[in-house]
Amino acid sequence: LKGHEWRPRGGAMLPLGGAGTPPFLGPVTPEMQVKLTKIKWCLIGVFVAAVGRLATGDLPFGEIICIISGVFLLRDDAGISSCYNCMASTPLGQCAGPSGGGFACLMPLMLIAIINSLFLGLRLFVGGPFLLVSFIFQLTGGIMAWKLQQIISAETGMGMGLDPSGSGQGQPLTQPLSQMRMFPQAGQGGDVAGAGGSGGGAPGRGPMGPSGGSFQAFQGNGQRLGG
């Protein structure tokens, strides 16, 4: 499979993620490459099952949609690029969206494969052997696409400084809460006390805080309403 590795166009950097998702710019990791290769073999199995179903008088509509999505996903694969170029020159090329395919088609492929597997599972005992083959390969391909989506999400989260575990925690605070100055220090207390006027406290003392001192919550004379 060395000659059919998935290679991004125009270099090793490629944008991952569709609309509304922060783009991830980075090389395809070996873990991603393994999942892409498995998805490719699953698509080959679905193609064989589609030909078999068509030869036995069954219309493999779901398999055709799944294969089209897979071809757009694997557009940069050396063994599928020619098929992608042929499909992209037809009106089907508009189905890939502005990106023209790639990882933007990963989520549609996963949903199509899993939904097809659910409907095929209802006909396993009456659909024949090719339907069973299609069910196995589409279910496996959907699972591989889901695992690849998890890898991409983790890589995107780490690239943005987020926690890849999905707990919602970002990077730690740059200044711990215990070190934040909530009250003026002892050296700054004189200014605060001097500005208070009739505070009643001793000069040079600030509000009560970690350094000690006196603190009065209310100062001055009250005002009577309506008087």
Protein backbone atom coordinates (compact mmCIF):
# COMPACT_ATOMS: atom_id res chain seq x y z
CA LEU A 1 0.00 0.00 0.00
CA LYS A 2 3.03 2.24 -0.05
CA GLY A 3 2.32 3.55 -3.51
CA HIS A 4 -1.26 4.45 -2.61
CA GLU A 5 -0.66 6.61 0.42
CA TRP A 6 -2.98 9.53 1.00
CA ARG A 7 -1.02 12.65 0.04
CA PRO A 8 -2.38 16.20 0.43
CA ARG A 9 -2.29 18.47 -2.57
CA GLY A 10 0.18 21.30 -2.72
CA GLY A 11 2.38 20.11 0.16
CA ALA A 12 1.99 18.59 3.56
CA MET A 13 -0.29 21.28 4.96
CA LEU A 14 -4.05 20.99 4.48
CA PRO A 15 -7.11 22.61 6.04
CA LEU A 16 -9.25 20.22 8.07
CA GLY A 17 -12.83 20.87 9.06
CA GLY A 18 -15.85 22.28 7.34
CA ALA A 19 -17.92 25.42 7.80
CA GLY A 20 -18.33 26.53 11.37
CA THR A 21 -15.36 24.45 12.53
CA PRO A 22 -12.00 26.02 13.36
CA PRO A 23 -9.56 24.99 10.62
CA PHE A 24 -6.68 22.77 11.55
CA LEU A 25 -3.51 23.18 9.51
CA GLY A 26 -1.14 20.30 9.88
CA PRO A 27 0.26 17.20 8.23
CA VAL A 28 -1.69 13.97 8.06
CA THR A 29 -0.51 11.94 11.03
CA PRO A 30 0.26 8.21 10.73
CA GLU A 31 -2.83 7.47 12.82
CA MET A 32 -4.98 9.39 10.35
CA GLN A 33 -3.30 7.57 7.47
CA VAL A 34 -4.25 4.20 8.95
CA LYS A 35 -7.90 5.19 9.27
CA LEU A 36 -7.98 6.60 5.73
CA THR A 37 -6.54 3.38 4.34
CA LYS A 38 -9.18 1.32 6.14
CA ILE A 39 -11.93 3.59 4.83
CA LYS A 40 -10.55 3.11 1.32
CA TRP A 41 -10.76 -0.68 1.58
CA CYS A 42 -14.28 -0.41 2.98
CA LEU A 43 -15.29 1.65 -0.06
CA ILE A 44 -13.86 -1.03 -2.36
CA GLY A 45 -15.96 -3.61 -0.53
CA VAL A 46 -19.06 -1.44 -0.86
CA PHE A 47 -18.38 -1.08 -4.59
CA VAL A 48 -18.18 -4.87 -5.00
CA ALA A 49 -21.41 -5.26 -3.04
CA ALA A 50 -23.11 -2.60 -5.17
CA VAL A 51 -22.14 -4.39 -8.39
CA GLY A 52 -23.41 -7.67 -6.96
CA ARG A 53 -26.73 -6.19 -5.90
CA LEU A 54 -27.18 -4.55 -9.26
CA ALA A 55 -26.45 -7.85 -11.03
CA THR A 56 -29.08 -9.62 -8.92
CA GLY A 57 -31.77 -7.06 -9.76
CA ASP A 58 -31.51 -4.88 -6.65
CA LEU A 59 -30.95 -1.13 -6.86
CA PRO A 60 -27.93 -0.16 -4.68
CA PHE A 61 -28.89 3.50 -4.27
CA GLY A 62 -27.44 3.82 -0.76
CA GLU A 63 -24.16 2.23 -1.83
CA ILE A 64 -23.81 4.67 -4.72
CA ILE A 65 -24.22 7.68 -2.43
CA CYS A 66 -21.72 6.21 0.02
CA ILE A 67 -19.16 5.58 -2.74
CA ILE A 68 -19.51 9.13 -4.08
CA SER A 69 -18.92 10.59 -0.62
CA GLY A 70 -15.92 8.33 -0.11
CA VAL A 71 -14.36 9.32 -3.43
CA PHE A 72 -14.63 13.00 -2.54
CA LEU A 73 -13.12 12.29 0.87
CA LEU A 74 -10.16 10.40 -0.61
CA ARG A 75 -9.59 12.81 -3.47
CA ASP A 76 -5.84 13.02 -2.77
CA ASP A 77 -5.31 9.26 -2.66
CA ALA A 78 -3.07 8.12 -5.50
CA GLY A 79 -5.43 5.29 -6.44
CA ILE A 80 -8.66 7.31 -6.34
CA SER A 81 -7.54 10.70 -7.64
CA SER A 82 -8.32 9.77 -11.26
CA CYS A 83 -11.85 8.73 -10.30
CA TYR A 84 -12.24 11.95 -8.33
CA ASN A 85 -11.11 14.08 -11.28
CA CYS A 86 -13.66 12.35 -13.49
CA MET A 87 -16.49 12.94 -11.00
CA ALA A 88 -15.44 16.51 -10.23
CA SER A 89 -15.81 17.43 -13.92
CA THR A 90 -19.49 16.41 -13.81
CA PRO A 91 -22.41 18.07 -11.97
CA LEU A 92 -21.61 15.75 -9.06
CA GLY A 93 -18.64 17.99 -8.32
CA GLN A 94 -21.05 20.59 -6.91
CA CYS A 95 -22.06 18.15 -4.16
CA ALA A 96 -18.63 18.46 -2.53
CA GLY A 97 -19.18 22.12 -1.69
CA PRO A 98 -16.68 24.98 -1.98
CA SER A 99 -13.82 22.87 -0.63
CA GLY A 100 -14.19 20.32 -3.43
CA GLY A 101 -14.00 17.38 -1.03
CA GLY A 102 -11.33 16.26 1.38
CA PHE A 103 -11.99 16.15 5.10
CA ALA A 104 -15.10 18.28 4.68
CA CYS A 105 -16.82 15.10 3.38
CA LEU A 106 -15.84 12.98 6.39
CA MET A 107 -18.95 13.72 8.44
CA PRO A 108 -21.38 13.18 5.51
CA LEU A 109 -19.69 9.85 4.74
CA MET A 110 -19.99 8.73 8.35
CA LEU A 111 -23.69 9.62 8.53
CA ILE A 112 -24.53 8.03 5.18
CA ALA A 113 -22.69 4.80 6.00
CA ILE A 114 -24.32 4.44 9.42
CA ILE A 115 -27.82 5.24 8.16
CA ASN A 116 -27.43 2.77 5.28
CA SER A 117 -26.25 0.14 7.75
CA LEU A 118 -29.35 0.62 9.88
CA PHE A 119 -31.68 0.10 6.92
CA LEU A 120 -29.66 -2.80 5.56
CA GLY A 121 -29.75 -4.46 8.96
CA LEU A 122 -33.53 -4.78 8.65
CA ARG A 123 -33.11 -6.91 5.49
CA LEU A 124 -30.12 -9.07 6.39
CA PHE A 125 -32.05 -12.35 6.29
CA VAL A 126 -33.93 -11.65 3.05
CA GLY A 127 -31.56 -9.47 1.03
CA GLY A 128 -29.00 -12.00 -0.13
CA PRO A 129 -25.22 -12.26 0.34
CA PHE A 130 -24.30 -8.99 -1.38
CA LEU A 131 -26.55 -7.05 0.98
CA LEU A 132 -24.72 -8.66 3.89
CA VAL A 133 -21.37 -7.67 2.37
CA SER A 134 -22.58 -4.11 1.93
CA PHE A 135 -23.80 -4.00 5.52
CA ILE A 136 -20.46 -5.18 6.92
CA PHE A 137 -18.32 -2.79 4.88
CA GLN A 138 -20.55 0.25 5.38
CA LEU A 139 -20.80 -0.30 9.10
CA THR A 140 -17.04 -0.74 9.36
CA GLY A 141 -16.44 2.33 7.20
CA GLY A 142 -18.79 4.43 9.33
CA ILE A 143 -16.96 3.38 12.49
CA MET A 144 -13.58 4.19 10.93
CA ALA A 145 -14.89 7.59 9.82
CA TRP A 146 -16.12 8.28 13.36
CA LYS A 147 -12.72 7.36 14.82
CA LEU A 148 -10.98 9.58 12.28
CA GLN A 149 -13.30 12.44 13.21
CA GLN A 150 -12.32 12.00 16.86
CA ILE A 151 -8.63 12.15 15.95
CA ILE A 152 -9.12 15.33 13.93
CA SER A 153 -11.13 16.94 16.75
CA ALA A 154 -8.37 16.12 19.22
CA GLU A 155 -5.70 17.54 16.92
CA THR A 156 -7.78 20.68 16.38
CA GLY A 157 -8.29 21.09 20.12
CA MET A 158 -4.58 20.75 20.88
CA GLY A 159 -3.74 23.21 18.11
CA MET A 160 -6.04 25.81 19.70
CA GLY A 161 -4.75 25.16 23.22
CA LEU A 162 -7.91 23.36 24.36
CA ASP A 163 -8.16 20.24 26.44
CA PRO A 164 -8.43 17.27 24.01
CA SER A 165 -10.23 15.19 26.66
CA GLY A 166 -13.40 17.15 25.97
CA SER A 167 -13.87 18.33 29.56
CA GLY A 168 -14.29 21.92 28.41
CA GLN A 169 -11.26 23.15 30.34
CA GLY A 170 -8.83 25.36 28.49
CA GLN A 171 -5.34 26.31 29.48
CA PRO A 172 -4.77 27.20 33.14
CA LEU A 173 -4.97 30.79 34.31
CA THR A 174 -1.83 32.78 33.69
CA GLN A 175 -2.09 34.24 37.20
CA PRO A 176 -3.34 31.98 40.04
CA LEU A 177 -6.26 33.28 42.03
CA SER A 178 -4.23 33.18 45.25
CA GLN A 179 -1.73 35.64 43.80
CA MET A 180 -4.24 38.20 42.58
CA ARG A 181 -4.24 41.46 44.59
CA MET A 182 -7.80 41.82 45.79
CA PHE A 183 -6.93 44.56 48.35
CA PRO A 184 -4.26 47.27 48.50
CA GLN A 185 -1.03 46.22 50.17
CA ALA A 186 0.45 47.74 53.31
CA GLY A 187 2.58 50.20 51.39
CA GLN A 188 -0.44 51.54 49.53
CA GLY A 189 -2.73 51.91 52.51
CA GLY A 190 -1.74 55.51 53.26
CA ASP A 191 -3.08 56.78 49.98
CA VAL A 192 -6.38 55.05 50.46
CA ALA A 193 -6.78 56.27 54.01
CA GLY A 194 -5.84 59.82 53.03
CA ALA A 195 -8.40 59.87 50.27
CA GLY A 196 -11.15 58.76 52.63
CA GLY A 197 -11.26 62.04 54.54
CA SER A 198 -13.32 61.41 57.67
CA GLY A 199 -12.68 57.71 57.77
CA GLY A 200 -11.77 57.61 61.43
CA GLY A 201 -8.90 55.22 60.86
CA ALA A 202 -5.30 55.85 61.75
CA PRO A 203 -3.16 57.52 59.09
CA GLY A 204 -1.10 55.20 57.01
CA ARG A 205 -3.44 52.28 57.47
CA GLY A 206 -5.33 50.72 54.63
CA PRO A 207 -8.37 48.45 54.54
CA MET A 208 -8.11 45.13 56.30
CA GLY A 209 -6.50 42.61 54.08
CA PRO A 210 -3.72 40.06 54.14
CA SER A 211 -1.38 42.67 55.73
CA GLY A 212 -3.76 43.53 58.60
CA GLY A 213 -5.12 46.97 59.53
CA SER A 214 -8.57 48.37 60.24
CA PHE A 215 -11.56 48.36 57.98
CA GLN A 216 -14.86 50.21 58.33
CA ALA A 217 -17.66 49.15 56.07
CA PHE A 218 -19.79 52.31 56.38
CA GLN A 219 -18.61 55.85 56.87
CA GLY A 220 -20.15 59.33 56.84
CA ASN A 221 -23.57 60.58 57.88
CA GLY A 222 -26.82 59.06 56.82
CA GLN A 223 -29.47 60.93 54.84
CA ARG A 224 -33.14 60.89 55.67
CA LEU A 225 -35.54 60.54 52.75
CA GLY A 226 -38.41 62.95 52.47
CA GLY A 227 -37.00 65.25 55.11
